[in-house]
């Protein structure tokens, strides 16, 4: 099975672009044996993307009043996602709600790893903060390592 990496966010709202920017880094680095896509984070679209997959990584900006650039790694297949992390979402439902809906419908892949990058600026037209830019590189590297470990 081909693992899937989904970078989520709005590239026109500052730190909200974090997930998409991680996906772009990974597309450039071409993780062998993995598919990388960008998405807005809309629930039905996410569930369609991961349909039939066994291993999925989701990357999105979060906001939990921690320092910008803090990286959260959550295993959504074993633990409910904290909904308060994703309240900065521009979509009707947050990533947490999409995951929990899929779980209740028994449509959640067997492994779902969520990387949340703590953001600070979510206003239209803002650029990604330097702290988030650093975290983007680190999350891309972590996922690349995890994909390679899975193959080994």
Protein backbone atom coordinates (compact mmCIF):
# COMPACT_ATOMS: atom_id res chain seq x y z
CA UNK A 1 0.00 0.00 0.00
CA UNK A 2 1.21 3.47 -0.88
CA UNK A 3 1.35 5.77 2.15
CA UNK A 4 -0.27 9.18 1.74
CA UNK A 5 0.93 12.54 3.07
CA UNK A 6 -1.62 15.36 3.08
CA UNK A 7 -0.53 18.95 3.65
CA UNK A 8 -3.50 21.06 4.73
CA UNK A 9 -4.03 24.79 4.88
CA UNK A 10 -4.63 28.12 3.22
CA UNK A 11 -1.51 29.53 1.63
CA UNK A 12 -2.91 33.09 1.80
CA UNK A 13 -3.33 33.22 5.60
CA UNK A 14 0.15 33.32 7.08
CA UNK A 15 0.97 30.36 9.29
CA UNK A 16 -2.12 28.49 8.08
CA UNK A 17 -0.02 27.57 5.02
CA UNK A 18 2.26 25.32 7.13
CA UNK A 19 0.77 21.99 6.05
CA UNK A 20 0.82 22.86 2.36
CA UNK A 21 4.42 24.05 2.64
CA UNK A 22 5.46 20.77 4.26
CA UNK A 23 3.82 18.93 1.36
CA UNK A 24 5.72 21.07 -1.15
CA UNK A 25 9.03 20.29 0.60
CA UNK A 26 8.24 16.59 0.47
CA UNK A 27 7.26 16.73 -3.20
CA UNK A 28 10.66 18.32 -3.89
CA UNK A 29 12.42 15.58 -1.92
CA UNK A 30 10.26 12.88 -3.51
CA UNK A 31 9.87 10.39 -0.64
CA UNK A 32 10.13 7.02 -2.35
CA UNK A 33 6.96 5.00 -2.22
CA UNK A 34 4.71 7.76 -0.88
CA UNK A 35 2.10 10.00 -2.45
CA UNK A 36 2.09 13.66 -1.38
CA UNK A 37 -0.89 15.99 -1.91
CA UNK A 38 -2.12 19.39 -0.79
CA UNK A 39 -5.67 19.91 0.47
CA UNK A 40 -7.89 22.60 1.90
CA UNK A 41 -8.90 20.40 4.84
CA UNK A 42 -12.57 20.00 3.95
CA UNK A 43 -13.86 16.84 5.68
CA UNK A 44 -15.42 14.97 2.76
CA UNK A 45 -12.41 15.76 0.58
CA UNK A 46 -10.00 14.44 3.22
CA UNK A 47 -11.99 11.24 3.67
CA UNK A 48 -12.03 10.72 -0.09
CA UNK A 49 -8.26 11.27 -0.29
CA UNK A 50 -7.46 8.70 2.39
CA UNK A 51 -10.11 6.17 1.31
CA UNK A 52 -8.53 2.74 0.98
CA UNK A 53 -5.22 3.84 2.52
CA UNK A 54 -3.58 2.12 5.45
CA UNK A 55 -1.02 4.78 6.46
CA UNK A 56 -1.71 8.51 6.29
CA UNK A 57 0.13 11.57 7.56
CA UNK A 58 -1.79 14.83 7.95
CA UNK A 59 0.01 18.13 8.48
CA UNK A 60 -1.85 21.29 9.49
CA UNK A 61 -1.36 24.50 11.43
CA UNK A 62 -2.69 24.47 14.98
CA UNK A 63 -3.31 27.10 17.61
CA UNK A 64 -3.18 26.12 21.28
CA UNK A 65 -1.44 29.15 22.76
CA UNK A 66 1.95 27.47 22.70
CA UNK A 67 4.98 29.17 21.11
CA UNK A 68 4.89 29.54 17.33
CA UNK A 69 6.76 26.71 15.64
CA UNK A 70 6.08 24.09 18.33
CA UNK A 71 5.51 20.72 16.69
CA UNK A 72 2.82 18.34 17.91
CA UNK A 73 2.79 14.70 16.76
CA UNK A 74 -0.43 12.82 17.41
CA UNK A 75 -1.45 9.30 16.49
CA UNK A 76 -5.08 9.81 15.54
CA UNK A 77 -5.71 6.09 15.04
CA UNK A 78 -5.26 5.55 18.79
CA UNK A 79 -6.26 8.89 20.34
CA UNK A 80 -8.96 11.46 19.75
CA UNK A 81 -7.53 14.72 18.40
CA UNK A 82 -7.88 17.83 20.57
CA UNK A 83 -10.48 19.94 18.73
CA UNK A 84 -9.14 23.15 20.25
CA UNK A 85 -5.91 22.74 18.26
CA UNK A 86 -7.70 23.30 14.98
CA UNK A 87 -9.95 26.28 15.77
CA UNK A 88 -7.87 28.46 13.42
CA UNK A 89 -9.25 26.39 10.53
CA UNK A 90 -10.77 28.18 7.55
CA UNK A 91 -12.81 25.12 6.61
CA UNK A 92 -16.33 24.38 7.87
CA UNK A 93 -15.05 21.41 9.88
CA UNK A 94 -11.58 21.09 11.34
CA UNK A 95 -9.16 18.25 10.74
CA UNK A 96 -10.08 16.88 14.16
CA UNK A 97 -13.75 16.76 13.21
CA UNK A 98 -12.94 15.04 9.89
CA UNK A 99 -10.86 12.41 11.67
CA UNK A 100 -13.53 11.80 14.31
CA UNK A 101 -16.29 11.58 11.69
CA UNK A 102 -14.23 9.03 9.75
CA UNK A 103 -13.59 7.11 12.98
CA UNK A 104 -17.32 6.95 13.77
CA UNK A 105 -18.09 5.79 10.20
CA UNK A 106 -15.25 3.22 10.36
CA UNK A 107 -13.52 4.97 7.44
CA UNK A 108 -10.34 5.97 9.27
CA UNK A 109 -7.15 4.37 7.91
CA UNK A 110 -5.44 1.93 10.27
CA UNK A 111 -2.61 4.43 10.92
CA UNK A 112 -3.11 8.21 10.90
CA UNK A 113 -0.30 10.43 12.14
CA UNK A 114 -1.12 14.12 12.53
CA UNK A 115 1.59 16.73 12.71
CA UNK A 116 0.35 20.07 14.02
CA UNK A 117 2.59 23.10 13.68
CA UNK A 118 1.80 25.82 16.17
CA UNK A 119 1.07 29.06 14.35
CA UNK A 120 0.83 32.69 15.42
CA UNK A 121 -0.33 34.71 12.38
CA UNK A 122 -3.48 33.64 10.52
CA UNK A 123 -4.49 36.91 8.91
CA UNK A 124 -4.95 37.25 5.14
CA UNK A 125 -1.83 38.36 3.32
CA UNK A 126 0.57 37.53 6.15
CA UNK A 127 3.71 35.53 5.51
CA UNK A 128 4.68 32.46 7.49
CA UNK A 129 6.47 33.38 10.72
CA UNK A 130 10.18 32.46 10.97
CA UNK A 131 9.43 29.95 13.75
CA UNK A 132 6.85 28.17 11.59
CA UNK A 133 9.22 28.20 8.60
CA UNK A 134 11.80 26.33 10.71
CA UNK A 135 9.17 23.86 11.91
CA UNK A 136 8.10 23.20 8.30
CA UNK A 137 11.59 21.97 7.48
CA UNK A 138 11.73 19.82 10.63
CA UNK A 139 8.32 18.22 10.06
CA UNK A 140 9.19 17.45 6.43
CA UNK A 141 12.39 15.75 7.62
CA UNK A 142 10.56 13.77 10.32
CA UNK A 143 7.95 12.50 7.86
CA UNK A 144 10.61 11.60 5.32
CA UNK A 145 12.39 9.58 8.03
CA UNK A 146 9.15 7.87 9.06
CA UNK A 147 8.34 6.91 5.46
CA UNK A 148 11.85 5.51 5.02
CA UNK A 149 11.65 3.59 8.33
CA UNK A 150 8.33 2.09 7.25
CA UNK A 151 9.94 0.77 4.07
CA UNK A 152 12.89 -0.71 5.96
